[in-house]
Amino acid sequence: MSKAGGAGSGPTAAAAAAAAQKQKTLLQRVDADVANIVDNFSLLINVARVQAADSLLKLVSELKQTAIFSGFASLNENVDRRIEVFNQQAENTEKLLERIAEQAAASLKELETHYYSSVARTHQLDA
């Protein structure tokens, strides 16, 4: 009888250890994925800054050329066109960042829900 109890506790202990290891692995994956999302978001912001700086340099160059080769009326018209382009780019960037933030929040919510309802976590709380 004690052999049956000993044999029964062996697989249970092994299953608990495997579940704990799987939970640890999943948590490490979640941490890595979240870190990856943060890194990618940072890269996205840095790329946007570089593009904005490049765009401003092009604008300065265009303004210099326009000032040299034409009068102020065309210069003002060119500035107004560029302002419209920049405003549109800013609006598009904000929409993109909002979508990224919504997707990140939804993914995080899904991960939290999955984590808090996981079998391994509920067993851990019961213990």
Protein backbone atom coordinates (compact mmCIF):
# COMPACT_ATOMS: atom_id res chain seq x y z
CA MET A 1 0.00 0.00 0.00
CA SER A 2 2.82 2.38 0.80
CA LYS A 3 4.36 1.50 -2.59
CA ALA A 4 1.20 2.62 -4.37
CA GLY A 5 1.18 5.87 -2.39
CA GLY A 6 4.87 6.40 -3.14
CA ALA A 7 4.38 5.64 -6.82
CA GLY A 8 1.38 7.96 -6.97
CA SER A 9 3.23 10.86 -5.38
CA GLY A 10 6.20 10.47 -7.75
CA PRO A 11 4.30 11.28 -10.96
CA THR A 12 2.32 13.99 -9.14
CA ALA A 13 5.52 15.62 -7.96
CA ALA A 14 7.00 15.25 -11.44
CA ALA A 15 3.86 16.77 -12.99
CA ALA A 16 3.97 19.67 -10.53
CA ALA A 17 7.65 20.24 -11.27
CA ALA A 18 6.96 20.11 -15.01
CA ALA A 19 4.06 22.56 -14.62
CA ALA A 20 6.24 24.91 -12.57
CA GLN A 21 8.99 24.70 -15.18
CA LYS A 22 6.49 25.34 -17.99
CA GLN A 23 5.10 28.36 -16.10
CA LYS A 24 8.62 29.70 -15.59
CA THR A 25 9.35 29.23 -19.30
CA LEU A 26 6.12 30.97 -20.29
CA LEU A 27 6.83 33.89 -17.96
CA GLN A 28 10.31 34.21 -19.45
CA ARG A 29 8.77 34.23 -22.93
CA VAL A 30 6.27 36.91 -21.86
CA ASP A 31 9.11 39.02 -20.41
CA ALA A 32 11.15 38.60 -23.58
CA ASP A 33 8.17 39.46 -25.80
CA VAL A 34 7.32 42.56 -23.79
CA ALA A 35 10.97 43.66 -23.90
CA ASN A 36 10.94 43.07 -27.66
CA ILE A 37 7.79 45.21 -28.04
CA VAL A 38 9.39 48.03 -26.04
CA ASP A 39 12.60 47.82 -28.09
CA ASN A 40 10.68 47.86 -31.37
CA PHE A 41 8.58 50.81 -30.22
CA SER A 42 11.76 52.69 -29.29
CA LEU A 43 13.24 51.94 -32.70
CA LEU A 44 10.04 53.17 -34.36
CA ILE A 45 10.23 56.46 -32.46
CA ASN A 46 13.92 56.88 -33.34
CA VAL A 47 13.22 56.23 -37.02
CA ALA A 48 10.44 58.82 -36.96
CA ARG A 49 12.85 61.35 -35.45
CA VAL A 50 15.46 60.67 -38.13
CA GLN A 51 12.84 60.98 -40.90
CA ALA A 52 11.62 64.26 -39.41
CA ALA A 53 15.17 65.64 -39.26
CA ASP A 54 15.81 64.56 -42.85
CA SER A 55 12.56 66.17 -43.94
CA LEU A 56 13.49 69.42 -42.18
CA LEU A 57 16.89 69.45 -43.90
CA LYS A 58 15.18 69.02 -47.26
CA LEU A 59 12.79 71.85 -46.40
CA VAL A 60 15.69 74.16 -45.52
CA SER A 61 17.37 73.30 -48.81
CA GLU A 62 14.15 73.95 -50.75
CA LEU A 63 13.65 77.25 -48.94
CA LYS A 64 17.16 78.37 -49.81
CA GLN A 65 16.67 77.48 -53.46
CA THR A 66 13.28 79.17 -53.54
CA ALA A 67 14.63 82.31 -51.88
CA ILE A 68 17.42 82.50 -54.43
CA PHE A 69 15.35 81.84 -57.55
CA SER A 70 11.95 83.39 -56.79
CA GLY A 71 10.08 86.00 -54.85
CA PHE A 72 8.43 85.85 -51.46
CA ALA A 73 4.99 84.92 -52.80
CA SER A 74 6.18 81.58 -54.13
CA LEU A 75 8.27 81.13 -51.00
CA ASN A 76 5.19 81.53 -48.80
CA GLU A 77 3.23 79.18 -51.05
CA ASN A 78 5.95 76.55 -50.78
CA VAL A 79 6.07 76.94 -46.99
CA ASP A 80 2.29 76.54 -46.79
CA ARG A 81 2.43 73.37 -48.90
CA ARG A 82 5.18 71.92 -46.74
CA ILE A 83 3.23 72.79 -43.59
CA GLU A 84 0.25 70.88 -44.96
CA VAL A 85 2.46 67.90 -45.76
CA PHE A 86 3.99 67.95 -42.26
CA ASN A 87 0.59 68.27 -40.63
CA GLN A 88 -0.67 65.27 -42.62
CA GLN A 89 2.44 63.28 -41.69
CA ALA A 90 1.98 64.18 -38.02
CA GLU A 91 -1.68 63.14 -38.16
CA ASN A 92 -0.79 59.83 -39.85
CA THR A 93 1.95 59.19 -37.29
CA GLU A 94 -0.41 59.86 -34.40
CA LYS A 95 -3.00 57.49 -35.87
CA LEU A 96 -0.33 54.83 -36.31
CA LEU A 97 0.92 55.27 -32.75
CA GLU A 98 -2.66 55.06 -31.44
CA ARG A 99 -3.20 51.80 -33.34
CA ILE A 100 0.09 50.41 -32.02
CA ALA A 101 -0.85 51.43 -28.47
CA GLU A 102 -4.30 49.84 -28.80
CA GLN A 103 -2.82 46.63 -30.17
CA ALA A 104 -0.20 46.53 -27.43
CA ALA A 105 -2.85 47.13 -24.76
CA ALA A 106 -5.10 44.42 -26.21
CA SER A 107 -2.21 41.97 -26.38
CA LEU A 108 -1.17 42.77 -22.83
CA LYS A 109 -4.76 42.34 -21.62
CA GLU A 110 -4.97 38.98 -23.39
CA LEU A 111 -1.67 37.87 -21.85
CA GLU A 112 -2.82 38.97 -18.39
CA THR A 113 -6.12 37.14 -18.76
CA HIS A 114 -4.35 34.02 -19.92
CA TYR A 115 -1.84 34.23 -17.08
CA TYR A 116 -4.39 34.85 -14.35
CA SER A 117 -6.62 32.03 -15.55
CA SER A 118 -3.80 29.55 -16.17
CA VAL A 119 -3.94 26.19 -14.47
CA ALA A 120 -0.38 26.48 -13.20
CA ARG A 121 -1.12 29.79 -11.46
CA THR A 122 -4.34 28.56 -9.83
CA HIS A 123 -2.52 25.46 -8.54
CA GLN A 124 0.21 27.69 -7.20
CA LEU A 125 -2.33 29.86 -5.35
CA ASP A 126 -4.08 26.80 -3.91
CA ALA A 127 -0.81 25.50 -2.46
